Amino acid sequence: MADTHYTLHQGDSPLVLSLPHVGTQIPHDLQAAYTPRALALEDTDWHLERLYEFASSMNVTMIAATVSRYVIDVNRPPDDTPMYPGAANTELCPTRFFTGESLYLEGRAPSSAAVQARRERYWQPYHDALSEALRRAKTKYGFALLWDGHSIRSEIPWLFDGRLPDLNVGTVSGASCDATLRSHIVSQLEVQRDFTVAIDGRFKGGFITRHYGRPTEGIHAIQMEMCQSLYMDEFAPFAYRSAHAERVQPLLKRLLTTMLDWTPDATS
């Protein structure tokens, strides 16, 4: 899979798991433009492939970016329209850390032409693969399901006030999936008592959820943004914490199982 800049595990179920922010590669020819701090990749969605490793046994298709979001964010619109008007936003080719400081050395941020080149080389292949995975699922089953997985530090004042709830479900206020599917996912989260939850709060869904979630066309998308404190250390060296992860993995598995158990004609 040369020069694709993602990994793909092909399953044979209606469900596609997208992990767009797990990439840790900054191409060598780009590295000199970044600050030394940027090369530590602190805003990565660390370890999500490991956290969701159980999904392979569920016959789920999984696509994961290998290039860092600092190079290009595949969960942002290609025209760089802000996802959350009125709030702090990161760009298609981010220029700032989540704390607000510059990622790039002075005068080294990418030009419009460089952004376009990155879009063609890194952004487009990810979306081509994701589109194809959803097309395959829909062709076989008559519908497709998309779970867009993310994680983030629990406190980032530049992006949101206070502490983020542990688990943040985004369905674009119900527009990206069938209402019954959304209700089933919400019910699973409401009956558990171990983690705090927000539904369509600060994180309503990024470009992937908004663009592909078209329930009237048979594609149902849900974003999960979770606090990294649930499964890892939030600060360098960003260690994975197995004991923490094992507490949240059963719930994540139930949520994906709920997705797989749902069909478009489900009424309850």
Protein backbone atom coordinates (compact mmCIF):
# COMPACT_ATOMS: atom_id res chain seq x y z
CA MET A 1 0.00 0.00 0.00
CA ALA A 2 2.71 2.41 -1.07
CA ASP A 3 2.23 6.14 -0.54
CA THR A 4 -1.31 5.81 0.83
CA HIS A 5 -0.53 7.28 4.27
CA TYR A 6 -3.11 5.16 6.07
CA THR A 7 -3.54 1.57 7.20
CA LEU A 8 -6.59 -0.47 6.29
CA HIS A 9 -7.94 -3.60 7.93
CA GLN A 10 -10.76 -4.89 5.75
CA GLY A 11 -13.66 -6.39 7.66
CA ASP A 12 -16.88 -7.85 6.32
CA SER A 13 -19.57 -6.12 8.37
CA PRO A 14 -21.56 -2.92 7.77
CA LEU A 15 -19.37 -1.04 10.27
CA VAL A 16 -16.34 1.07 9.38
CA LEU A 17 -14.12 2.43 12.16
CA SER A 18 -12.23 5.60 11.20
CA LEU A 19 -9.24 6.83 13.24
CA PRO A 20 -8.14 10.01 11.47
CA HIS A 21 -5.85 11.53 14.11
CA VAL A 22 -3.64 8.63 15.19
CA GLY A 23 -0.87 9.33 12.66
CA THR A 24 2.61 10.11 13.96
CA GLN A 25 4.55 10.75 10.75
CA ILE A 26 5.81 14.14 9.61
CA PRO A 27 7.64 13.66 6.30
CA HIS A 28 11.33 14.42 6.57
CA ASP A 29 11.21 17.21 3.98
CA LEU A 30 8.63 19.08 6.08
CA GLN A 31 10.18 18.72 9.52
CA ALA A 32 12.53 21.71 9.34
CA ALA A 33 9.56 24.13 9.18
CA TYR A 34 8.15 23.05 12.54
CA THR A 35 9.17 24.12 16.02
CA PRO A 36 11.08 21.45 17.97
CA ARG A 37 8.08 21.09 20.27
CA ALA A 38 5.84 20.23 17.31
CA LEU A 39 7.92 17.18 16.45
CA ALA A 40 6.78 15.60 19.73
CA LEU A 41 3.22 15.50 18.28
CA GLU A 42 1.47 16.24 21.57
CA ASP A 43 -1.99 16.63 20.01
CA THR A 44 -2.08 13.13 18.52
CA ASP A 45 -4.98 10.79 19.34
CA TRP A 46 -2.48 8.46 20.96
CA HIS A 47 -2.94 4.68 21.16
CA LEU A 48 -6.46 4.51 19.74
CA GLU A 49 -5.60 1.56 17.50
CA ARG A 50 -4.58 -0.33 20.64
CA LEU A 51 -7.65 0.79 22.56
CA TYR A 52 -9.93 -0.38 19.73
CA GLU A 53 -7.95 -3.53 18.93
CA PHE A 54 -10.94 -5.66 19.91
CA ALA A 55 -12.75 -4.35 16.80
CA SER A 56 -10.78 -6.68 14.52
CA SER A 57 -12.47 -9.68 16.16
CA MET A 58 -15.85 -8.06 15.41
CA ASN A 59 -15.24 -8.09 11.65
CA VAL A 60 -15.12 -4.29 11.56
CA THR A 61 -13.26 -2.47 8.79
CA MET A 62 -10.71 -0.08 10.31
CA ILE A 63 -8.90 2.75 8.56
CA ALA A 64 -6.25 4.72 10.44
CA ALA A 65 -4.16 7.68 9.30
CA THR A 66 -0.39 7.34 9.52
CA VAL A 67 0.50 10.99 8.79
CA SER A 68 0.22 13.43 11.69
CA ARG A 69 -2.67 15.85 11.90
CA TYR A 70 0.05 18.54 12.09
CA VAL A 71 0.71 17.86 8.40
CA ILE A 72 -2.95 17.84 7.40
CA ASP A 73 -6.17 17.13 9.27
CA VAL A 74 -8.27 14.62 7.36
CA ASN A 75 -11.20 15.45 9.64
CA ARG A 76 -11.44 19.01 8.33
CA PRO A 77 -13.26 20.22 5.20
CA PRO A 78 -11.13 20.47 2.07
CA ASP A 79 -12.07 24.14 1.74
CA ASP A 80 -11.01 24.77 5.38
CA THR A 81 -14.42 26.08 6.48
CA PRO A 82 -14.42 26.37 10.32
CA MET A 83 -16.20 23.43 11.93
CA TYR A 84 -17.33 25.35 15.01
CA PRO A 85 -18.12 29.00 14.21
CA GLY A 86 -17.56 31.28 17.16
CA ALA A 87 -15.13 28.88 18.86
CA ALA A 88 -11.41 28.23 18.48
CA ASN A 89 -10.84 25.99 15.46
CA THR A 90 -7.85 24.17 13.99
CA GLU A 91 -7.34 24.38 10.24
CA LEU A 92 -7.04 21.88 7.41
CA CYS A 93 -3.28 22.29 7.81
CA PRO A 94 -3.09 23.32 11.47
CA THR A 95 -0.81 26.21 12.39
CA ARG A 96 -1.28 26.08 16.16
CA PHE A 97 -1.09 23.63 19.03
CA PHE A 98 -4.28 22.98 20.98
CA THR A 99 -2.81 25.43 23.50
CA GLY A 100 -2.73 28.20 20.88
CA GLU A 101 1.00 28.58 20.21
CA SER A 102 2.45 28.34 16.71
CA LEU A 103 3.40 24.92 15.35
CA TYR A 104 5.74 26.50 12.81
CA LEU A 105 8.88 28.55 12.96
CA GLU A 106 8.32 32.18 11.98
CA GLY A 107 7.47 32.52 8.30
CA ARG A 108 7.41 28.76 7.71
CA ALA A 109 3.66 27.99 7.80
CA PRO A 110 2.49 26.31 4.57
CA SER A 111 1.42 28.49 1.64
CA SER A 112 -1.89 27.99 -0.13
CA ALA A 113 -0.09 25.99 -2.79
CA ALA A 114 1.55 23.80 -0.14
CA VAL A 115 -1.81 23.20 1.54
CA GLN A 116 -3.26 22.11 -1.80
CA ALA A 117 -0.35 19.76 -2.39
CA ARG A 118 -0.79 18.19 1.04
CA ARG A 119 -4.50 17.83 0.41
CA GLU A 120 -3.86 15.89 -2.78
CA ARG A 121 -1.10 13.72 -1.34
CA TYR A 122 -2.39 12.95 2.16
CA TRP A 123 -6.03 14.03 2.61
CA GLN A 124 -7.53 12.67 -0.59
CA PRO A 125 -6.24 9.07 -0.32
CA TYR A 126 -7.71 8.73 3.17
CA HIS A 127 -11.09 9.87 1.95
CA ASP A 128 -10.92 7.73 -1.15
CA ALA A 129 -10.32 4.68 1.05
CA LEU A 130 -13.03 5.66 3.53
CA SER A 131 -15.53 6.28 0.73
CA GLU A 132 -14.72 2.91 -0.81
CA ALA A 133 -15.09 1.10 2.52
CA LEU A 134 -18.52 2.65 3.05
CA ARG A 135 -19.50 1.90 -0.55
CA ARG A 136 -18.55 -1.76 -0.12
CA ALA A 137 -20.55 -2.04 3.08
CA LYS A 138 -23.59 -0.36 1.59
CA THR A 139 -23.45 -2.50 -1.54
CA LYS A 140 -23.43 -5.70 0.51
CA TYR A 141 -25.82 -4.77 3.32
CA GLY A 142 -27.94 -2.00 1.87
CA PHE A 143 -26.61 0.45 4.45
CA ALA A 144 -23.29 1.39 6.06
CA LEU A 145 -22.27 2.40 9.57
CA LEU A 146 -19.39 4.71 10.47
CA TRP A 147 -17.79 5.16 13.89
CA ASP A 148 -15.28 8.02 13.90
CA GLY A 149 -12.95 7.56 16.86
CA HIS A 150 -11.07 10.38 18.58
CA SER A 151 -9.41 11.24 21.88
CA ILE A 152 -8.22 14.47 23.46
CA ARG A 153 -6.79 15.85 26.69
CA SER A 154 -9.53 16.43 29.21
CA GLU A 155 -8.64 20.10 29.76
CA ILE A 156 -7.64 22.45 26.92
CA PRO A 157 -8.69 26.03 27.71
CA TRP A 158 -7.97 27.26 24.16
CA LEU A 159 -10.62 24.88 22.79
CA PHE A 160 -13.20 24.58 25.56
CA ASP A 161 -13.98 25.74 29.09
CA GLY A 162 -13.44 23.52 32.09
CA ARG A 163 -13.07 19.77 31.95
CA LEU A 164 -14.51 17.79 29.07
CA PRO A 165 -16.93 14.95 29.88
CA ASP A 166 -15.29 11.54 29.58
CA LEU A 167 -17.24 10.45 26.51
CA ASN A 168 -18.56 12.88 23.92
CA VAL A 169 -20.90 11.57 21.23
CA GLY A 170 -21.41 13.67 18.11
CA THR A 171 -24.21 13.12 15.63
CA VAL A 172 -24.44 16.68 14.29
CA SER A 173 -27.46 17.15 16.58
CA GLY A 174 -29.06 14.03 15.16
CA ALA A 175 -28.47 14.78 11.48
CA SER A 176 -25.73 12.20 10.80
CA CYS A 177 -27.56 8.99 11.71
CA ASP A 178 -30.98 7.44 12.12
CA ALA A 179 -32.79 8.62 15.24
CA THR A 180 -33.32 5.05 16.47
CA LEU A 181 -29.62 4.23 16.20
CA ARG A 182 -28.75 7.41 18.04
CA SER A 183 -31.26 6.52 20.76
CA HIS A 184 -29.75 3.04 21.20
CA ILE A 185 -26.25 4.48 21.59
CA VAL A 186 -27.46 7.12 24.04
CA SER A 187 -29.30 4.45 26.06
CA GLN A 188 -26.12 2.42 26.45
CA LEU A 189 -24.33 5.47 27.78
CA GLU A 190 -27.15 6.48 30.11
CA VAL A 191 -27.33 3.14 31.91
CA GLN A 192 -23.62 3.06 32.81
CA ARG A 193 -22.34 5.00 35.81
CA ASP A 194 -18.58 4.85 35.39
CA PHE A 195 -18.06 7.71 32.94
CA THR A 196 -19.49 11.17 32.37
CA VAL A 197 -21.17 11.70 29.01
CA ALA A 198 -22.18 14.50 26.65
CA ILE A 199 -24.36 14.06 23.58
CA ASP A 200 -23.86 16.63 20.81
CA GLY A 201 -22.16 19.04 23.19
CA ARG A 202 -18.88 20.82 22.42
CA PHE A 203 -18.01 18.13 19.88
CA LYS A 204 -20.96 17.53 17.55
CA GLY A 205 -18.91 15.78 14.88
CA GLY A 206 -16.11 16.79 12.56
CA PHE A 207 -15.98 16.75 8.78
CA ILE A 208 -16.02 12.96 8.52
CA THR A 209 -19.20 12.61 10.56
CA ARG A 210 -20.86 15.57 8.85
CA HIS A 211 -19.85 14.64 5.31
CA TYR A 212 -20.47 10.89 5.34
CA GLY A 213 -23.37 10.76 7.77
CA ARG A 214 -26.30 10.76 5.34
CA PRO A 215 -29.04 8.61 6.84
CA THR A 216 -31.44 9.28 3.97
CA GLU A 217 -28.81 7.72 1.69
CA GLY A 218 -28.19 4.75 3.97
CA ILE A 219 -24.96 5.87 5.69
CA HIS A 220 -25.13 6.44 9.44
CA ALA A 221 -22.20 8.14 11.20
CA ILE A 222 -21.37 8.74 14.86
CA GLN A 223 -18.29 10.42 16.32
CA MET A 224 -16.82 9.48 19.68
CA GLU A 225 -14.47 12.00 21.29
CA MET A 226 -13.13 10.63 24.53
CA CYS A 227 -10.82 11.98 27.22
CA GLN A 228 -7.36 10.49 27.04
CA SER A 229 -7.30 10.23 30.83
CA LEU A 230 -9.54 7.18 30.46
CA TYR A 231 -6.76 5.06 29.00
CA MET A 232 -3.39 6.88 29.03
CA ASP A 233 -1.26 9.63 30.53
CA GLU A 234 -2.33 12.93 28.97
CA PHE A 235 1.18 14.39 29.02
CA ALA A 236 4.55 13.23 27.70
CA PRO A 237 5.61 10.52 27.32
CA PHE A 238 1.91 9.71 26.76
CA ALA A 239 2.07 6.23 28.27
CA TYR A 240 -0.74 3.78 27.64
CA ARG A 241 -2.39 2.64 30.88
CA SER A 242 -3.72 -0.88 30.43
CA ALA A 243 -5.62 -0.96 33.72
CA HIS A 244 -7.44 2.24 32.79
CA ALA A 245 -8.09 1.07 29.24
CA GLU A 246 -9.59 -2.20 30.44
CA ARG A 247 -12.26 -0.24 32.30
CA VAL A 248 -13.52 1.60 29.22
CA GLN A 249 -12.99 -1.05 26.54
CA PRO A 250 -16.05 -3.14 27.51
CA LEU A 251 -18.26 -0.08 27.08
CA LEU A 252 -16.70 0.78 23.73
CA LYS A 253 -17.27 -2.81 22.63
CA ARG A 254 -20.92 -2.61 23.71
CA LEU A 255 -21.33 0.58 21.71
CA LEU A 256 -19.86 -0.98 18.56
CA THR A 257 -21.98 -4.09 19.16
CA THR A 258 -25.04 -1.84 19.41
CA MET A 259 -24.10 -0.38 16.03
CA LEU A 260 -23.73 -3.85 14.50
CA ASP A 261 -27.00 -5.11 16.01
CA TRP A 262 -28.95 -2.22 14.53
CA THR A 263 -30.64 -2.39 11.14
CA PRO A 264 -32.45 0.40 9.29
CA ASP A 265 -35.83 -1.24 9.84
CA ALA A 266 -35.29 -1.48 13.61
CA THR A 267 -38.16 0.12 15.49
CA SER A 268 -37.13 -0.40 19.08
